[in-house]
Each structure stands twice: as C-alpha cells, then as structure tokens.
Amino acid sequence: MQRYINAIEASLSSENWYAALGIALMMPDVCSGLEEGYGRGRSRYIEWFDTYMLRKYTYNHAISGPIIFLNGRNCYALRCAYLHQGSEDLSQHEVRENLDRIKFTTSGTHCGRINNLLILNVHEFCRDICESVREWILNRMSIDPKIQERARDLIGFGDGFVLSGTQTSARP
C-alpha cells in the first residue's frame, strides 16, 4: 500500500496533478476491495470514504450543525467522472447527491462551495486520502491476515520476472 501513497506524493511533488488525483481517487476502491474481495464496488467505495474521509470534509457549524462538503456518494461520482471520462462534471451520475461539479485548484481554496460547485485543493485532497489510507492500514490491514494476503496480489513493478524458471529482464 505504501507504494501507492509514495506514487501520490511523488506526483504531487512533481506537479503531476492528473496522476496524483487519479491514484488518490482509486485508493478507496483498493482498500475496500482488499477488505471484502471482489464485488459491491460502488457501495464499498462509498462506505470506505464515509468511514475514513467524511469527517475531514464535514464542518460542524455552531448554529446550523454539520455541513458536509464531500461525502462518499459524491466522491464516487467524481471517481467515475474523472477515471472514465477525464471530467469533473458529476451532473449525469446517478449516485451523486448534491454536487454538479468539483473544481480542483493547485493553490488556495480547499472546501469552498458555491451552490452545487465544490472547490478543492488537489494537494489537500490527495494528502487527506494518503492520511486516510495510513489510518486504514493501521486500524484494519495491520490486524487482518485476510487483507494482508489479498494485498500480496496488488500490482507491482520490477526490473524483470521469472517465467517457467527463466529470468527475463526489461530491455536496456
């Protein structure tokens, strides 16, 4: 799991916003998939986000009570819009609740809301995801042998691989 966190952080450092955001948006899928195996993708994603991220995107107003800037349903709609269509438009996604669009900035505003538009800072959002994944690793993955076993099947990259006893390496 650390390799994904490292990839997000390296992408942020090199200002590769698209890669950072793409990997960050897939992390609730990866974590929740390791918990339960395959199936139930949408509901798993929403539940994971609401468990590990919702409190970071909820403001407790003294008079009017909690104001939720981003919940699991809207983040899942963003994930679908961004990863499948390269878009920030949520308006056509049935799972969304109250947002039509999410705009990302590279500096300044984080969790700004104008009607059905949410403004997020890409650095802050990706760091929040990384922090939540670390929390999930500590509270779930580190104590569950089934999750640890499933994690062994996550994609990894190396210089070569062994196929039928023959060492193969990448081209120079």
N, C-alpha and C. Protein backbone atom coordinates (compact mmCIF):
# COMPACT_ATOMS: atom_id res chain seq x y z
N MET A 1 0.82 -1.20 0.00
CA MET A 1 0.00 0.00 0.00
C MET A 1 0.86 1.26 0.00
N GLN A 2 2.02 1.14 0.64
CA GLN A 2 2.89 2.30 0.71
C GLN A 2 3.33 2.75 -0.68
N ARG A 3 3.45 1.82 -1.62
CA ARG A 3 3.86 2.20 -2.98
C ARG A 3 2.85 3.16 -3.62
N TYR A 4 1.57 3.00 -3.32
CA TYR A 4 0.54 3.90 -3.86
C TYR A 4 0.64 5.27 -3.20
N ILE A 5 0.82 5.28 -1.89
CA ILE A 5 0.99 6.55 -1.18
C ILE A 5 2.22 7.28 -1.72
N ASN A 6 3.32 6.54 -1.90
CA ASN A 6 4.54 7.14 -2.45
C ASN A 6 4.29 7.71 -3.85
N ALA A 7 3.52 7.00 -4.66
CA ALA A 7 3.23 7.47 -6.02
C ALA A 7 2.41 8.75 -6.00
N ILE A 8 1.44 8.83 -5.11
CA ILE A 8 0.64 10.05 -4.98
C ILE A 8 1.53 11.20 -4.55
N GLU A 9 2.34 10.98 -3.53
CA GLU A 9 3.20 12.04 -3.01
C GLU A 9 4.25 12.47 -4.04
N ALA A 10 4.81 11.53 -4.78
CA ALA A 10 5.78 11.88 -5.83
C ALA A 10 5.10 12.67 -6.94
N SER A 11 3.89 12.29 -7.28
CA SER A 11 3.14 13.02 -8.31
C SER A 11 2.84 14.44 -7.86
N LEU A 12 2.49 14.62 -6.60
CA LEU A 12 2.26 15.97 -6.09
C LEU A 12 3.55 16.79 -6.12
N SER A 13 4.65 16.17 -5.73
CA SER A 13 5.94 16.87 -5.71
C SER A 13 6.38 17.32 -7.10
N SER A 14 6.05 16.52 -8.11
CA SER A 14 6.44 16.87 -9.48
C SER A 14 5.33 17.62 -10.22
N GLU A 15 4.30 18.01 -9.48
CA GLU A 15 3.16 18.74 -10.03
C GLU A 15 2.45 17.97 -11.14
N ASN A 16 2.43 16.66 -11.01
CA ASN A 16 1.70 15.80 -11.93
C ASN A 16 0.31 15.58 -11.31
N TRP A 17 -0.50 16.63 -11.40
CA TRP A 17 -1.81 16.66 -10.73
C TRP A 17 -2.72 15.53 -11.19
N TYR A 18 -2.69 15.22 -12.49
CA TYR A 18 -3.59 14.21 -13.04
C TYR A 18 -3.30 12.83 -12.45
N ALA A 19 -2.01 12.50 -12.38
CA ALA A 19 -1.64 11.21 -11.80
C ALA A 19 -1.97 11.16 -10.31
N ALA A 20 -1.63 12.22 -9.59
CA ALA A 20 -1.90 12.24 -8.15
C ALA A 20 -3.40 12.05 -7.88
N LEU A 21 -4.22 12.80 -8.61
CA LEU A 21 -5.66 12.72 -8.40
C LEU A 21 -6.21 11.35 -8.81
N GLY A 22 -5.74 10.83 -9.91
CA GLY A 22 -6.21 9.52 -10.36
C GLY A 22 -5.92 8.42 -9.36
N ILE A 23 -4.70 8.38 -8.86
CA ILE A 23 -4.34 7.36 -7.88
C ILE A 23 -5.12 7.58 -6.58
N ALA A 24 -5.22 8.84 -6.16
CA ALA A 24 -5.96 9.14 -4.93
C ALA A 24 -7.40 8.67 -5.04
N LEU A 25 -8.04 8.92 -6.17
CA LEU A 25 -9.44 8.52 -6.34
C LEU A 25 -9.62 7.01 -6.40
N MET A 26 -8.59 6.28 -6.75
CA MET A 26 -8.72 4.82 -6.80
C MET A 26 -8.46 4.17 -5.44
N MET A 27 -7.86 4.89 -4.49
CA MET A 27 -7.49 4.28 -3.22
C MET A 27 -8.66 3.74 -2.40
N PRO A 28 -9.80 4.42 -2.32
CA PRO A 28 -10.92 3.78 -1.62
C PRO A 28 -11.34 2.45 -2.26
N ASP A 29 -11.23 2.35 -3.58
CA ASP A 29 -11.50 1.07 -4.27
C ASP A 29 -10.51 0.01 -3.83
N VAL A 30 -9.23 0.35 -3.82
CA VAL A 30 -8.19 -0.62 -3.48
C VAL A 30 -8.35 -1.08 -2.04
N CYS A 31 -8.48 -0.14 -1.12
CA CYS A 31 -8.60 -0.50 0.30
C CYS A 31 -9.86 -1.31 0.57
N SER A 32 -10.98 -0.85 0.08
CA SER A 32 -12.24 -1.57 0.35
C SER A 32 -12.26 -2.91 -0.36
N GLY A 33 -11.63 -3.00 -1.52
CA GLY A 33 -11.55 -4.27 -2.23
C GLY A 33 -10.71 -5.29 -1.46
N LEU A 34 -9.64 -4.83 -0.84
CA LEU A 34 -8.82 -5.73 -0.03
C LEU A 34 -9.57 -6.22 1.19
N GLU A 35 -10.47 -5.41 1.70
CA GLU A 35 -11.26 -5.82 2.87
C GLU A 35 -12.24 -6.93 2.53
N GLU A 36 -12.92 -6.79 1.40
CA GLU A 36 -14.03 -7.69 1.11
C GLU A 36 -13.85 -8.54 -0.13
N GLY A 37 -12.75 -8.39 -0.84
CA GLY A 37 -12.59 -9.11 -2.08
C GLY A 37 -13.38 -8.42 -3.18
N TYR A 38 -13.72 -9.15 -4.20
CA TYR A 38 -14.37 -8.55 -5.36
C TYR A 38 -15.87 -8.36 -5.14
N GLY A 39 -16.45 -7.48 -5.95
CA GLY A 39 -17.89 -7.24 -5.91
C GLY A 39 -18.24 -6.03 -5.07
N ARG A 40 -19.48 -5.57 -5.23
CA ARG A 40 -20.03 -4.45 -4.46
C ARG A 40 -19.17 -3.20 -4.53
N GLY A 41 -18.56 -2.90 -5.65
CA GLY A 41 -17.63 -1.79 -5.78
C GLY A 41 -18.16 -0.45 -5.34
N ARG A 42 -19.32 -0.06 -5.84
CA ARG A 42 -19.87 1.25 -5.52
C ARG A 42 -20.15 1.40 -4.03
N SER A 43 -20.87 0.48 -3.47
CA SER A 43 -21.23 0.60 -2.05
C SER A 43 -20.00 0.48 -1.15
N ARG A 44 -19.05 -0.37 -1.53
CA ARG A 44 -17.80 -0.49 -0.77
C ARG A 44 -17.05 0.83 -0.75
N TYR A 45 -16.93 1.45 -1.92
CA TYR A 45 -16.21 2.72 -2.06
C TYR A 45 -16.85 3.79 -1.18
N ILE A 46 -18.15 3.93 -1.30
CA ILE A 46 -18.89 4.95 -0.55
C ILE A 46 -18.71 4.73 0.95
N GLU A 47 -18.84 3.50 1.39
CA GLU A 47 -18.70 3.19 2.82
C GLU A 47 -17.29 3.49 3.31
N TRP A 48 -16.26 3.11 2.52
CA TRP A 48 -14.88 3.38 2.92
C TRP A 48 -14.65 4.89 3.03
N PHE A 49 -15.09 5.65 2.03
CA PHE A 49 -14.91 7.10 2.06
C PHE A 49 -15.60 7.70 3.28
N ASP A 50 -16.83 7.30 3.52
CA ASP A 50 -17.57 7.87 4.65
C ASP A 50 -16.95 7.49 5.99
N THR A 51 -16.31 6.34 6.07
CA THR A 51 -15.65 5.92 7.29
C THR A 51 -14.35 6.67 7.53
N TYR A 52 -13.54 6.82 6.49
CA TYR A 52 -12.18 7.35 6.68
C TYR A 52 -12.00 8.80 6.24
N MET A 53 -12.88 9.35 5.43
CA MET A 53 -12.68 10.70 4.88
C MET A 53 -13.77 11.69 5.26
N LEU A 54 -14.96 11.23 5.52
CA LEU A 54 -16.10 12.14 5.71
C LEU A 54 -15.85 13.19 6.78
N ARG A 55 -15.26 12.81 7.89
CA ARG A 55 -15.02 13.77 8.98
C ARG A 55 -14.10 14.90 8.54
N LYS A 56 -13.22 14.63 7.57
CA LYS A 56 -12.31 15.67 7.07
C LYS A 56 -13.03 16.66 6.16
N TYR A 57 -14.18 16.26 5.67
CA TYR A 57 -14.96 17.08 4.74
C TYR A 57 -16.31 17.48 5.32
N THR A 58 -16.38 17.49 6.64
CA THR A 58 -17.56 17.94 7.36
C THR A 58 -17.16 19.07 8.30
N TYR A 59 -17.88 20.17 8.22
CA TYR A 59 -17.63 21.32 9.09
C TYR A 59 -18.79 21.40 10.08
N ASN A 60 -18.49 21.41 11.34
CA ASN A 60 -19.53 21.49 12.37
C ASN A 60 -19.80 22.94 12.71
N HIS A 61 -20.84 23.48 12.09
CA HIS A 61 -21.24 24.87 12.30
C HIS A 61 -21.98 24.97 13.64
N ALA A 62 -21.62 25.96 14.43
CA ALA A 62 -22.18 26.11 15.78
C ALA A 62 -23.70 26.27 15.78
N ILE A 63 -24.25 26.91 14.76
CA ILE A 63 -25.69 27.18 14.75
C ILE A 63 -26.45 26.18 13.88
N SER A 64 -26.00 26.01 12.66
CA SER A 64 -26.76 25.17 11.72
C SER A 64 -26.38 23.69 11.75
N GLY A 65 -25.36 23.33 12.51
CA GLY A 65 -24.96 21.94 12.60
C GLY A 65 -23.97 21.54 11.52
N PRO A 66 -23.81 20.24 11.28
CA PRO A 66 -22.80 19.77 10.34
C PRO A 66 -23.09 20.20 8.89
N ILE A 67 -22.04 20.66 8.23
CA ILE A 67 -22.10 20.97 6.80
C ILE A 67 -21.14 20.02 6.11
N ILE A 68 -21.67 19.17 5.26
CA ILE A 68 -20.85 18.18 4.56
C ILE A 68 -20.46 18.74 3.20
N PHE A 69 -19.16 18.88 2.99
CA PHE A 69 -18.65 19.36 1.71
C PHE A 69 -18.53 18.22 0.70
N LEU A 70 -18.05 17.07 1.16
CA LEU A 70 -17.87 15.94 0.25
C LEU A 70 -18.15 14.65 1.01
N ASN A 71 -19.03 13.84 0.45
CA ASN A 71 -19.33 12.54 1.05
C ASN A 71 -18.96 11.43 0.07
N GLY A 72 -19.17 10.20 0.49
CA GLY A 72 -18.79 9.05 -0.33
C GLY A 72 -19.52 8.98 -1.66
N ARG A 73 -20.78 9.33 -1.69
CA ARG A 73 -21.55 9.26 -2.94
C ARG A 73 -21.00 10.26 -3.97
N ASN A 74 -20.75 11.48 -3.53
CA ASN A 74 -20.22 12.48 -4.46
C ASN A 74 -18.79 12.17 -4.87
N CYS A 75 -17.99 11.63 -3.95
CA CYS A 75 -16.62 11.27 -4.32
C CYS A 75 -16.63 10.10 -5.30
N TYR A 76 -17.55 9.15 -5.12
CA TYR A 76 -17.65 8.05 -6.08
C TYR A 76 -18.05 8.57 -7.46
N ALA A 77 -18.96 9.53 -7.50
CA ALA A 77 -19.35 10.13 -8.78
C ALA A 77 -18.15 10.84 -9.41
N LEU A 78 -17.34 11.52 -8.59
CA LEU A 78 -16.13 12.16 -9.11
C LEU A 78 -15.16 11.11 -9.64
N ARG A 79 -14.97 10.05 -8.90
CA ARG A 79 -14.10 8.96 -9.34
C ARG A 79 -14.52 8.46 -10.71
N CYS A 80 -15.80 8.22 -10.88
CA CYS A 80 -16.30 7.73 -12.17
C CYS A 80 -16.10 8.76 -13.27
N ALA A 81 -16.45 10.01 -13.00
CA ALA A 81 -16.32 11.07 -14.00
C ALA A 81 -14.86 11.25 -14.40
N TYR A 82 -13.96 11.28 -13.43
CA TYR A 82 -12.55 11.54 -13.71
C TYR A 82 -11.87 10.34 -14.36
N LEU A 83 -12.01 9.16 -13.76
CA LEU A 83 -11.28 8.00 -14.26
C LEU A 83 -11.84 7.44 -15.56
N HIS A 84 -13.13 7.62 -15.80
CA HIS A 84 -13.73 7.06 -17.02
C HIS A 84 -13.87 8.08 -18.13
N GLN A 85 -13.97 9.36 -17.77
CA GLN A 85 -14.23 10.37 -18.80
C GLN A 85 -13.29 11.57 -18.74
N GLY A 86 -12.38 11.60 -17.76
CA GLY A 86 -11.48 12.73 -17.62
C GLY A 86 -12.21 14.02 -17.28
N SER A 87 -13.32 13.91 -16.58
CA SER A 87 -14.21 15.05 -16.35
C SER A 87 -14.34 15.35 -14.86
N GLU A 88 -14.79 16.54 -14.56
CA GLU A 88 -15.11 16.94 -13.19
C GLU A 88 -16.62 17.18 -13.04
N ASP A 89 -17.35 16.86 -14.10
CA ASP A 89 -18.81 17.06 -14.14
C ASP A 89 -19.50 15.84 -13.53
N LEU A 90 -20.21 16.06 -12.44
CA LEU A 90 -20.91 14.97 -11.75
C LEU A 90 -22.40 14.92 -12.10
N SER A 91 -22.86 15.90 -12.84
CA SER A 91 -24.31 16.11 -13.01
C SER A 91 -25.03 14.93 -13.63
N GLN A 92 -24.35 14.10 -14.40
CA GLN A 92 -25.01 12.97 -15.07
C GLN A 92 -24.88 11.65 -14.31
N HIS A 93 -24.25 11.69 -13.15
CA HIS A 93 -24.02 10.46 -12.39
C HIS A 93 -25.14 10.25 -11.37
N GLU A 94 -25.81 9.13 -11.49
CA GLU A 94 -26.97 8.84 -10.65
C GLU A 94 -26.63 8.74 -9.17
N VAL A 95 -25.41 8.39 -8.83
CA VAL A 95 -25.05 8.17 -7.44
C VAL A 95 -24.82 9.49 -6.68
N ARG A 96 -24.53 10.57 -7.38
CA ARG A 96 -24.23 11.85 -6.72
C ARG A 96 -25.44 12.32 -5.93
N GLU A 97 -25.16 13.14 -4.92
CA GLU A 97 -26.26 13.66 -4.10
C GLU A 97 -26.58 15.11 -4.40
N ASN A 98 -25.64 16.01 -4.16
CA ASN A 98 -25.99 17.42 -4.22
C ASN A 98 -24.95 18.28 -4.94
N LEU A 99 -24.01 17.67 -5.59
CA LEU A 99 -22.98 18.42 -6.32
C LEU A 99 -23.12 18.17 -7.83
N ASP A 100 -22.91 19.21 -8.61
CA ASP A 100 -22.90 19.07 -10.07
C ASP A 100 -21.49 19.04 -10.63
N ARG A 101 -20.55 19.66 -9.91
CA ARG A 101 -19.19 19.78 -10.42
C ARG A 101 -18.23 19.96 -9.25
N ILE A 102 -17.02 19.43 -9.43
CA ILE A 102 -15.94 19.66 -8.48
C ILE A 102 -14.78 20.24 -9.27
N LYS A 103 -14.30 21.41 -8.86
CA LYS A 103 -13.15 22.06 -9.48
C LYS A 103 -11.96 21.91 -8.55
N PHE A 104 -10.82 21.58 -9.13
CA PHE A 104 -9.60 21.46 -8.34
C PHE A 104 -8.69 22.64 -8.60
N THR A 105 -8.06 23.12 -7.53
CA THR A 105 -7.07 24.18 -7.62
C THR A 105 -5.73 23.60 -7.20
N THR A 106 -4.65 24.27 -7.59
CA THR A 106 -3.33 23.84 -7.16
C THR A 106 -2.80 24.71 -6.02
N SER A 107 -3.52 25.74 -5.69
CA SER A 107 -3.19 26.56 -4.53
C SER A 107 -4.46 27.26 -4.06
N GLY A 108 -4.46 27.69 -2.84
CA GLY A 108 -5.60 28.44 -2.35
C GLY A 108 -6.73 27.57 -1.82
N THR A 109 -7.92 27.91 -2.21
CA THR A 109 -9.16 27.39 -1.63
C THR A 109 -9.22 25.86 -1.56
N HIS A 110 -9.66 25.40 -0.39
CA HIS A 110 -9.95 23.98 -0.19
C HIS A 110 -11.28 23.93 0.55
N CYS A 111 -12.21 23.20 0.02
CA CYS A 111 -13.56 23.05 0.58
C CYS A 111 -14.34 24.36 0.49
N GLY A 112 -14.32 24.96 -0.67
CA GLY A 112 -15.17 26.11 -0.94
C GLY A 112 -16.39 25.64 -1.70
N ARG A 113 -17.51 26.20 -1.38
CA ARG A 113 -18.75 25.75 -2.03
C ARG A 113 -19.53 26.94 -2.54
N ILE A 114 -19.92 26.87 -3.80
CA ILE A 114 -20.79 27.87 -4.41
C ILE A 114 -21.93 27.09 -5.07
N ASN A 115 -23.10 27.14 -4.45
CA ASN A 115 -24.26 26.36 -4.92
C ASN A 115 -23.87 24.89 -5.05
N ASN A 116 -23.95 24.33 -6.25
CA ASN A 116 -23.64 22.90 -6.44
C ASN A 116 -22.24 22.66 -6.97
N LEU A 117 -21.36 23.63 -6.78
CA LEU A 117 -19.95 23.53 -7.17
C LEU A 117 -19.10 23.45 -5.92
N LEU A 118 -18.22 22.45 -5.86
CA LEU A 118 -17.28 22.32 -4.75
C LEU A 118 -15.88 22.59 -5.29
N ILE A 119 -15.13 23.41 -4.57
CA ILE A 119 -13.75 23.73 -4.95
C ILE A 119 -12.83 23.05 -3.94
N LEU A 120 -11.93 22.22 -4.47
CA LEU A 120 -10.98 21.50 -3.63
C LEU A 120 -9.56 21.81 -4.09
N ASN A 121 -8.64 21.85 -3.15
CA ASN A 121 -7.24 21.97 -3.45
C ASN A 121 -6.71 20.55 -3.66
N VAL A 122 -6.11 20.30 -4.81
CA VAL A 122 -5.67 18.95 -5.16
C VAL A 122 -4.64 18.42 -4.16
N HIS A 123 -3.73 19.29 -3.69
CA HIS A 123 -2.75 18.87 -2.68
C HIS A 123 -3.45 18.37 -1.42
N GLU A 124 -4.36 19.19 -0.91
CA GLU A 124 -5.05 18.86 0.34
C GLU A 124 -5.87 17.57 0.20
N PHE A 125 -6.60 17.47 -0.91
CA PHE A 125 -7.42 16.28 -1.12
C PHE A 125 -6.56 15.03 -1.17
N CYS A 126 -5.49 15.06 -1.96
CA CYS A 126 -4.63 13.89 -2.09
C CYS A 126 -3.93 13.56 -0.77
N ARG A 127 -3.51 14.57 -0.04
CA ARG A 127 -2.89 14.33 1.28
C ARG A 127 -3.91 13.72 2.25
N ASP A 128 -5.14 14.19 2.18
CA ASP A 128 -6.19 13.60 3.03
C ASP A 128 -6.40 12.13 2.71
N ILE A 129 -6.41 11.80 1.43
CA ILE A 129 -6.54 10.40 1.02
C ILE A 129 -5.37 9.59 1.58
N CYS A 130 -4.15 10.09 1.40
CA CYS A 130 -2.97 9.37 1.91
C CYS A 130 -3.05 9.16 3.42
N GLU A 131 -3.44 10.20 4.13
CA GLU A 131 -3.60 10.10 5.59
C GLU A 131 -4.65 9.07 5.96
N SER A 132 -5.74 9.04 5.22
CA SER A 132 -6.81 8.06 5.50
C SER A 132 -6.37 6.65 5.17
N VAL A 133 -5.60 6.47 4.12
CA VAL A 133 -5.08 5.14 3.79
C VAL A 133 -4.13 4.68 4.90
N ARG A 134 -3.29 5.57 5.39
CA ARG A 134 -2.40 5.21 6.50
C ARG A 134 -3.21 4.79 7.73
N GLU A 135 -4.27 5.53 8.01
CA GLU A 135 -5.14 5.18 9.14
C GLU A 135 -5.77 3.80 8.92
N TRP A 136 -6.23 3.54 7.69
CA TRP A 136 -6.83 2.25 7.36
C TRP A 136 -5.81 1.13 7.52
N ILE A 137 -4.57 1.36 7.08
CA ILE A 137 -3.52 0.35 7.22
C ILE A 137 -3.33 0.01 8.69
N LEU A 138 -3.26 1.03 9.52
CA LEU A 138 -3.03 0.84 10.96
C LEU A 138 -4.22 0.14 11.63
N ASN A 139 -5.43 0.56 11.31
CA ASN A 139 -6.62 0.06 12.00
C ASN A 139 -7.22 -1.21 11.42
N ARG A 140 -6.97 -1.50 10.16
CA ARG A 140 -7.59 -2.66 9.52
C ARG A 140 -6.56 -3.63 8.94
N MET A 141 -5.75 -3.14 8.03
CA MET A 141 -4.85 -4.03 7.31
C MET A 141 -3.83 -4.69 8.23
N SER A 142 -3.26 -3.94 9.15
CA SER A 142 -2.20 -4.48 10.00
C SER A 142 -2.69 -5.58 10.95
N ILE A 143 -4.01 -5.67 11.16
CA ILE A 143 -4.53 -6.67 12.10
C ILE A 143 -5.35 -7.77 11.42
N ASP A 144 -5.50 -7.70 10.11
CA ASP A 144 -6.35 -8.67 9.41
C ASP A 144 -5.52 -9.48 8.41
N PRO A 145 -5.25 -10.74 8.72
CA PRO A 145 -4.44 -11.58 7.84
C PRO A 145 -5.04 -11.77 6.44
N LYS A 146 -6.37 -11.75 6.32
CA LYS A 146 -7.00 -11.91 5.01
C LYS A 146 -6.71 -10.70 4.12
N ILE A 147 -6.75 -9.50 4.70
CA ILE A 147 -6.42 -8.29 3.94
C ILE A 147 -4.95 -8.35 3.52
N GLN A 148 -4.09 -8.75 4.43
CA GLN A 148 -2.66 -8.84 4.12
C GLN A 148 -2.41 -9.85 3.00
N GLU A 149 -3.14 -10.96 3.03
CA GLU A 149 -2.99 -11.97 1.98
C GLU A 149 -3.46 -11.42 0.63
N ARG A 150 -4.60 -10.75 0.60
CA ARG A 150 -5.09 -10.16 -0.65
C ARG A 150 -4.14 -9.10 -1.18
N ALA A 151 -3.50 -8.36 -0.27
CA ALA A 151 -2.58 -7.29 -0.67
C ALA A 151 -1.37 -7.83 -1.43
N ARG A 152 -1.04 -9.09 -1.23
CA ARG A 152 0.09 -9.68 -1.96
C ARG A 152 -0.17 -9.73 -3.46
N ASP A 153 -1.44 -9.66 -3.85
CA ASP A 153 -1.79 -9.72 -5.27
C ASP A 153 -1.84 -8.35 -5.94
N LEU A 154 -1.55 -7.28 -5.20
CA LEU A 154 -1.56 -5.95 -5.81
C LEU A 154 -0.44 -5.84 -6.83
N ILE A 155 -0.69 -5.06 -7.85
CA ILE A 155 0.30 -4.90 -8.91
C ILE A 155 1.59 -4.30 -8.38
N GLY A 156 2.69 -4.77 -8.90
CA GLY A 156 3.99 -4.25 -8.54
C GLY A 156 4.85 -4.22 -9.80
N PHE A 157 5.88 -3.42 -9.78
CA PHE A 157 6.77 -3.29 -10.93
C PHE A 157 8.18 -3.63 -10.50
N GLY A 158 8.91 -4.30 -11.39
CA GLY A 158 10.29 -4.65 -11.10
C GLY A 158 11.12 -4.63 -12.37
N ASP A 159 12.38 -4.97 -12.24
CA ASP A 159 13.29 -4.96 -13.39
C ASP A 159 13.12 -6.18 -14.28
N GLY A 160 12.58 -7.22 -13.76
CA GLY A 160 12.42 -8.44 -14.54
C GLY A 160 11.45 -9.36 -13.83
N PHE A 161 11.24 -10.54 -14.40
CA PHE A 161 10.36 -11.50 -13.77
C PHE A 161 10.81 -12.89 -14.17
N VAL A 162 10.32 -13.90 -13.46
CA VAL A 162 10.68 -15.28 -13.74
C VAL A 162 9.48 -15.96 -14.37
N LEU A 163 9.70 -16.56 -15.53
CA LEU A 163 8.66 -17.28 -16.23
C LEU A 163 9.19 -18.69 -16.51
N SER A 164 8.57 -19.68 -15.93
CA SER A 164 8.98 -21.08 -16.10
C SER A 164 10.45 -21.28 -15.82
N GLY A 165 10.93 -20.68 -14.75
CA GLY A 165 12.32 -20.87 -14.35
C GLY A 165 13.34 -20.06 -15.13
N THR A 166 12.92 -19.26 -16.10
CA THR A 166 13.84 -18.47 -16.90
C THR A 166 13.74 -17.01 -16.48
N GLN A 167 14.87 -16.40 -16.15
CA GLN A 167 14.89 -14.98 -15.76
C GLN A 167 14.73 -14.12 -17.01
N THR A 168 13.81 -13.19 -16.96
CA THR A 168 13.59 -12.26 -18.05
C THR A 168 13.79 -10.87 -17.50
N SER A 169 14.43 -10.01 -18.26
CA SER A 169 14.61 -8.64 -17.79
C SER A 169 14.13 -7.66 -18.82
N ALA A 170 13.93 -6.44 -18.37
CA ALA A 170 13.49 -5.38 -19.24
C ALA A 170 14.58 -5.02 -20.24
N ARG A 171 14.18 -4.46 -21.38
CA ARG A 171 15.15 -4.01 -22.37
C ARG A 171 16.01 -2.89 -21.81
N PRO A 172 17.26 -2.81 -22.22
CA PRO A 172 18.13 -1.73 -21.74
C PRO A 172 17.67 -0.37 -22.21
